[in-house]
Amino acid sequence: MTARTDVSDRVMPEQEERASAAVYTEGLLAGVAGAATIAGWFLLLDSIAGRPLYTPSVLGTALVRGGAAIAAPETLPVDMEMVINFTWMHVLAFLVIGLAASKLLEQAERDPNVGFGILLLFVVFEFGFIAVFQVVAGEVLQVISWPSILVGNLLAAAAMGLVFWRRHPRLVIRP
């Protein structure tokens, strides 16, 4: 007696593996797009103000030394070590956010009701980020305005959304 092996049984794990790899690739691409967009936004703002790389330098200093340790952030010189420190932490954070968003979108494709929850999570995350930043490093927000941070984050979200939209054109979000 021989057992019949269906072709779809052999292909299924392979397809799942490819789909899983695509989700991770998509998340990484979206994370890079978001990080690059917000970095470009602040490079533009800093260049217009005549201090290129000032924002990542101040934010890197706030992260490494602690927000309270910066007495006068407006007088802080641009420190390339802090720029590099902040940049790798920033890119890493966006990669994690991109991966999480990609996995959430994978769930939303299966259940459209999850999509509205993702949208709410984004709004809460966005304003929660600014609120926590105000408490942890309020002095920095005196120099780097929260509206510019909000616009930068929205631009990054739009860039990430574009990556996701191109790969999920028929994704429906239901309230």
C-alpha atoms as a PDB file:
ATOM      1  CA  MET A   1       0.000   0.000   0.000  1.00  0.00           C
ATOM      2  CA  THR A   2       1.382   3.353  -0.977  1.00  0.00           C
ATOM      3  CA  ALA A   3       0.406   6.661   0.473  1.00  0.00           C
ATOM      4  CA  ARG A   4      -0.516   9.306  -2.006  1.00  0.00           C
ATOM      5  CA  THR A   5       1.349  12.571  -1.527  1.00  0.00           C
ATOM      6  CA  ASP A   6      -0.428  15.562  -2.930  1.00  0.00           C
ATOM      7  CA  VAL A   7       1.746  18.113  -4.737  1.00  0.00           C
ATOM      8  CA  SER A   8       0.165  20.948  -2.765  1.00  0.00           C
ATOM      9  CA  ASP A   9       1.413  19.347   0.476  1.00  0.00           C
ATOM     10  CA  ARG A  10       5.009  19.676  -0.691  1.00  0.00           C
ATOM     11  CA  VAL A  11       4.635  23.193  -2.078  1.00  0.00           C
ATOM     12  CA  MET A  12       2.793  24.700   0.877  1.00  0.00           C
ATOM     13  CA  PRO A  13       5.710  24.968   3.346  1.00  0.00           C
ATOM     14  CA  GLU A  14       7.870  26.407   0.582  1.00  0.00           C
ATOM     15  CA  GLN A  15       5.223  29.022  -0.255  1.00  0.00           C
ATOM     16  CA  GLU A  16       4.822  29.919   3.417  1.00  0.00           C
ATOM     17  CA  GLU A  17       8.577  30.317   3.734  1.00  0.00           C
ATOM     18  CA  ARG A  18       8.658  32.644   0.705  1.00  0.00           C
ATOM     19  CA  ALA A  19       5.696  34.630   2.030  1.00  0.00           C
ATOM     20  CA  SER A  20       7.369  34.990   5.426  1.00  0.00           C
ATOM     21  CA  ALA A  21      10.607  36.169   3.814  1.00  0.00           C
ATOM     22  CA  ALA A  22       8.608  38.681   1.751  1.00  0.00           C
ATOM     23  CA  VAL A  23       7.007  40.077   4.922  1.00  0.00           C
ATOM     24  CA  TYR A  24      10.428  40.599   6.512  1.00  0.00           C
ATOM     25  CA  THR A  25      11.884  42.098   3.344  1.00  0.00           C
ATOM     26  CA  GLU A  26       8.924  44.435   3.041  1.00  0.00           C
ATOM     27  CA  GLY A  27       9.303  45.506   6.689  1.00  0.00           C
ATOM     28  CA  LEU A  28      13.003  46.204   6.267  1.00  0.00           C
ATOM     29  CA  LEU A  29      12.398  48.212   3.077  1.00  0.00           C
ATOM     30  CA  ALA A  30       9.671  50.237   4.783  1.00  0.00           C
ATOM     31  CA  GLY A  31      11.926  50.846   7.803  1.00  0.00           C
ATOM     32  CA  VAL A  32      14.768  52.091   5.609  1.00  0.00           C
ATOM     33  CA  ALA A  33      12.330  54.318   3.673  1.00  0.00           C
ATOM     34  CA  GLY A  34      10.980  55.813   6.908  1.00  0.00           C
ATOM     35  CA  ALA A  35      14.402  56.375   8.460  1.00  0.00           C
ATOM     36  CA  ALA A  36      15.791  57.936   5.271  1.00  0.00           C
ATOM     37  CA  THR A  37      12.757  60.200   4.876  1.00  0.00           C
ATOM     38  CA  ILE A  38      12.873  61.624   8.381  1.00  0.00           C
ATOM     39  CA  ALA A  39      16.668  61.968   8.223  1.00  0.00           C
ATOM     40  CA  GLY A  40      16.321  63.863   4.938  1.00  0.00           C
ATOM     41  CA  TRP A  41      13.604  66.076   6.438  1.00  0.00           C
ATOM     42  CA  PHE A  42      15.792  67.135   9.352  1.00  0.00           C
ATOM     43  CA  LEU A  43      18.858  67.521   7.140  1.00  0.00           C
ATOM     44  CA  LEU A  44      16.793  69.917   5.013  1.00  0.00           C
ATOM     45  CA  LEU A  45      15.563  71.871   8.058  1.00  0.00           C
ATOM     46  CA  ASP A  46      19.041  71.981   9.609  1.00  0.00           C
ATOM     47  CA  SER A  47      20.621  73.075   6.326  1.00  0.00           C
ATOM     48  CA  ILE A  48      18.082  75.875   5.905  1.00  0.00           C
ATOM     49  CA  ALA A  49      18.921  77.001   9.457  1.00  0.00           C
ATOM     50  CA  GLY A  50      22.634  76.923   8.587  1.00  0.00           C
ATOM     51  CA  ARG A  51      23.497  74.000  10.907  1.00  0.00           C
ATOM     52  CA  PRO A  52      23.537  70.738   8.925  1.00  0.00           C
ATOM     53  CA  LEU A  53      23.346  67.604  11.104  1.00  0.00           C
ATOM     54  CA  TYR A  54      22.425  69.637  14.187  1.00  0.00           C
ATOM     55  CA  THR A  55      19.242  67.649  14.936  1.00  0.00           C
ATOM     56  CA  PRO A  56      20.838  64.170  14.987  1.00  0.00           C
ATOM     57  CA  SER A  57      23.716  65.601  17.025  1.00  0.00           C
ATOM     58  CA  VAL A  58      21.372  67.015  19.677  1.00  0.00           C
ATOM     59  CA  LEU A  59      19.179  63.915  19.716  1.00  0.00           C
ATOM     60  CA  GLY A  60      22.218  61.640  19.905  1.00  0.00           C
ATOM     61  CA  THR A  61      23.568  63.663  22.811  1.00  0.00           C
ATOM     62  CA  ALA A  62      20.177  63.493  24.554  1.00  0.00           C
ATOM     63  CA  LEU A  63      20.034  59.703  24.088  1.00  0.00           C
ATOM     64  CA  VAL A  64      23.609  58.954  25.074  1.00  0.00           C
ATOM     65  CA  ARG A  65      23.992  61.438  27.937  1.00  0.00           C
ATOM     66  CA  GLY A  66      20.362  61.746  28.965  1.00  0.00           C
ATOM     67  CA  GLY A  67      18.036  64.651  28.208  1.00  0.00           C
ATOM     68  CA  ALA A  68      18.536  66.287  31.604  1.00  0.00           C
ATOM     69  CA  ALA A  69      22.321  66.405  31.109  1.00  0.00           C
ATOM     70  CA  ILE A  70      21.985  68.947  28.297  1.00  0.00           C
ATOM     71  CA  ALA A  71      21.896  72.338  29.969  1.00  0.00           C
ATOM     72  CA  ALA A  72      21.734  74.478  26.813  1.00  0.00           C
ATOM     73  CA  PRO A  73      21.034  72.368  23.713  1.00  0.00           C
ATOM     74  CA  GLU A  74      20.854  75.452  21.478  1.00  0.00           C
ATOM     75  CA  THR A  75      24.591  76.055  22.054  1.00  0.00           C
ATOM     76  CA  LEU A  76      25.591  72.434  21.463  1.00  0.00           C
ATOM     77  CA  PRO A  77      28.075  72.068  18.591  1.00  0.00           C
ATOM     78  CA  VAL A  78      27.558  69.381  15.939  1.00  0.00           C
ATOM     79  CA  ASP A  79      29.353  66.256  17.139  1.00  0.00           C
ATOM     80  CA  MET A  80      29.842  63.639  14.403  1.00  0.00           C
ATOM     81  CA  GLU A  81      30.167  60.838  16.978  1.00  0.00           C
ATOM     82  CA  MET A  82      26.707  61.730  18.319  1.00  0.00           C
ATOM     83  CA  VAL A  83      25.349  61.985  14.766  1.00  0.00           C
ATOM     84  CA  ILE A  84      26.604  58.463  14.019  1.00  0.00           C
ATOM     85  CA  ASN A  85      25.330  57.116  17.367  1.00  0.00           C
ATOM     86  CA  PHE A  86      21.906  58.597  16.810  1.00  0.00           C
ATOM     87  CA  THR A  87      21.749  57.531  13.159  1.00  0.00           C
ATOM     88  CA  TRP A  88      22.338  53.828  13.840  1.00  0.00           C
ATOM     89  CA  MET A  89      19.848  53.856  16.747  1.00  0.00           C
ATOM     90  CA  HIS A  90      17.343  55.705  14.559  1.00  0.00           C
ATOM     91  CA  VAL A  91      17.721  53.264  11.653  1.00  0.00           C
ATOM     92  CA  LEU A  92      17.476  50.282  14.001  1.00  0.00           C
ATOM     93  CA  ALA A  93      14.282  51.686  15.558  1.00  0.00           C
ATOM     94  CA  PHE A  94      12.744  52.220  12.129  1.00  0.00           C
ATOM     95  CA  LEU A  95      13.684  48.708  11.023  1.00  0.00           C
ATOM     96  CA  VAL A  96      11.888  47.301  14.066  1.00  0.00           C
ATOM     97  CA  ILE A  97       8.859  49.538  13.401  1.00  0.00           C
ATOM     98  CA  GLY A  98       8.857  48.482   9.730  1.00  0.00           C
ATOM     99  CA  LEU A  99       8.989  44.793  10.644  1.00  0.00           C
ATOM    100  CA  ALA A 100       6.176  45.199  13.183  1.00  0.00           C
ATOM    101  CA  ALA A 101       4.050  47.140  10.686  1.00  0.00           C
ATOM    102  CA  SER A 102       4.644  44.507   8.009  1.00  0.00           C
ATOM    103  CA  LYS A 103       3.518  41.717  10.335  1.00  0.00           C
ATOM    104  CA  LEU A 104       0.452  43.755  11.344  1.00  0.00           C
ATOM    105  CA  LEU A 105      -0.443  44.345   7.695  1.00  0.00           C
ATOM    106  CA  GLU A 106      -0.113  40.641   7.052  1.00  0.00           C
ATOM    107  CA  GLN A 107      -2.751  40.136   9.764  1.00  0.00           C
ATOM    108  CA  ALA A 108      -4.917  42.938   8.319  1.00  0.00           C
ATOM    109  CA  GLU A 109      -4.982  41.168   4.958  1.00  0.00           C
ATOM    110  CA  ARG A 110      -6.467  38.131   6.658  1.00  0.00           C
ATOM    111  CA  ASP A 111      -8.904  40.155   8.789  1.00  0.00           C
ATOM    112  CA  PRO A 112      -9.767  43.668   7.495  1.00  0.00           C
ATOM    113  CA  ASN A 113     -11.055  44.694  10.939  1.00  0.00           C
ATOM    114  CA  VAL A 114      -7.470  44.585  12.234  1.00  0.00           C
ATOM    115  CA  GLY A 115      -6.626  47.451   9.870  1.00  0.00           C
ATOM    116  CA  PHE A 116      -8.587  50.002  11.869  1.00  0.00           C
ATOM    117  CA  GLY A 117      -6.766  48.908  15.022  1.00  0.00           C
ATOM    118  CA  ILE A 118      -3.460  49.472  13.226  1.00  0.00           C
ATOM    119  CA  LEU A 119      -4.558  52.986  12.293  1.00  0.00           C
ATOM    120  CA  LEU A 120      -5.521  53.742  15.901  1.00  0.00           C
ATOM    121  CA  LEU A 121      -2.236  52.291  17.124  1.00  0.00           C
ATOM    122  CA  PHE A 122      -0.356  54.613  14.762  1.00  0.00           C
ATOM    123  CA  VAL A 123      -2.170  57.704  16.070  1.00  0.00           C
ATOM    124  CA  VAL A 124      -1.604  56.730  19.703  1.00  0.00           C
ATOM    125  CA  PHE A 125       2.041  55.884  18.995  1.00  0.00           C
ATOM    126  CA  GLU A 126       2.649  59.195  17.209  1.00  0.00           C
ATOM    127  CA  PHE A 127       1.287  61.421  19.945  1.00  0.00           C
ATOM    128  CA  GLY A 128       2.577  59.160  22.706  1.00  0.00           C
ATOM    129  CA  PHE A 129       6.071  59.499  21.243  1.00  0.00           C
ATOM    130  CA  ILE A 130       5.907  63.288  21.459  1.00  0.00           C
ATOM    131  CA  ALA A 131       4.457  63.197  24.998  1.00  0.00           C
ATOM    132  CA  VAL A 132       7.163  60.825  26.264  1.00  0.00           C
ATOM    133  CA  PHE A 133       9.840  62.855  24.497  1.00  0.00           C
ATOM    134  CA  GLN A 134       8.537  66.005  26.219  1.00  0.00           C
ATOM    135  CA  VAL A 135       8.894  64.365  29.636  1.00  0.00           C
ATOM    136  CA  VAL A 136      12.249  62.672  29.008  1.00  0.00           C
ATOM    137  CA  ALA A 137      14.007  65.400  27.009  1.00  0.00           C
ATOM    138  CA  GLY A 138      11.885  68.544  27.242  1.00  0.00           C
ATOM    139  CA  GLU A 139      14.934  70.794  26.855  1.00  0.00           C
ATOM    140  CA  VAL A 140      15.588  69.310  23.425  1.00  0.00           C
ATOM    141  CA  LEU A 141      12.029  70.106  22.333  1.00  0.00           C
ATOM    142  CA  GLN A 142      12.765  73.753  23.073  1.00  0.00           C
ATOM    143  CA  VAL A 143      15.350  73.657  20.275  1.00  0.00           C
ATOM    144  CA  ILE A 144      13.799  71.068  17.937  1.00  0.00           C
ATOM    145  CA  SER A 145      10.135  71.985  17.722  1.00  0.00           C
ATOM    146  CA  TRP A 146       7.554  69.263  18.167  1.00  0.00           C
ATOM    147  CA  PRO A 147       5.723  70.361  14.973  1.00  0.00           C
ATOM    148  CA  SER A 148       8.861  69.621  12.940  1.00  0.00           C
ATOM    149  CA  ILE A 149       9.122  66.233  14.668  1.00  0.00           C
ATOM    150  CA  LEU A 150       5.440  65.555  13.957  1.00  0.00           C
ATOM    151  CA  VAL A 151       5.789  66.533  10.287  1.00  0.00           C
ATOM    152  CA  GLY A 152       8.954  64.421   9.985  1.00  0.00           C
ATOM    153  CA  ASN A 153       7.210  61.416  11.519  1.00  0.00           C
ATOM    154  CA  LEU A 154       4.199  61.885   9.241  1.00  0.00           C
ATOM    155  CA  LEU A 155       6.476  62.090   6.184  1.00  0.00           C
ATOM    156  CA  ALA A 156       8.256  58.923   7.327  1.00  0.00           C
ATOM    157  CA  ALA A 157       4.900  57.198   7.855  1.00  0.00           C
ATOM    158  CA  ALA A 158       3.835  58.257   4.351  1.00  0.00           C
ATOM    159  CA  ALA A 159       7.068  56.849   2.862  1.00  0.00           C
ATOM    160  CA  MET A 160       6.559  53.598   4.736  1.00  0.00           C
ATOM    161  CA  GLY A 161       2.899  53.551   3.715  1.00  0.00           C
ATOM    162  CA  LEU A 162       3.945  53.920   0.080  1.00  0.00           C
ATOM    163  CA  VAL A 163       6.172  50.848   0.368  1.00  0.00           C
ATOM    164  CA  PHE A 164       3.310  48.890   1.932  1.00  0.00           C
ATOM    165  CA  TRP A 165       0.681  50.206  -0.490  1.00  0.00           C
ATOM    166  CA  ARG A 166       2.729  49.169  -3.509  1.00  0.00           C
ATOM    167  CA  ARG A 167       2.864  45.627  -2.145  1.00  0.00           C
ATOM    168  CA  HIS A 168      -0.730  45.520  -0.841  1.00  0.00           C
ATOM    169  CA  PRO A 169      -2.777  47.594  -3.319  1.00  0.00           C
ATOM    170  CA  ARG A 170      -6.059  45.885  -2.454  1.00  0.00           C
ATOM    171  CA  LEU A 171      -5.733  46.085   1.324  1.00  0.00           C
ATOM    172  CA  VAL A 172      -9.003  47.274   2.862  1.00  0.00           C
ATOM    173  CA  ILE A 173      -9.271  48.875   6.292  1.00  0.00           C
ATOM    174  CA  ARG A 174     -12.685  48.691   7.895  1.00  0.00           C
ATOM    175  CA  PRO A 175     -13.716  50.690  10.978  1.00  0.00           C
END
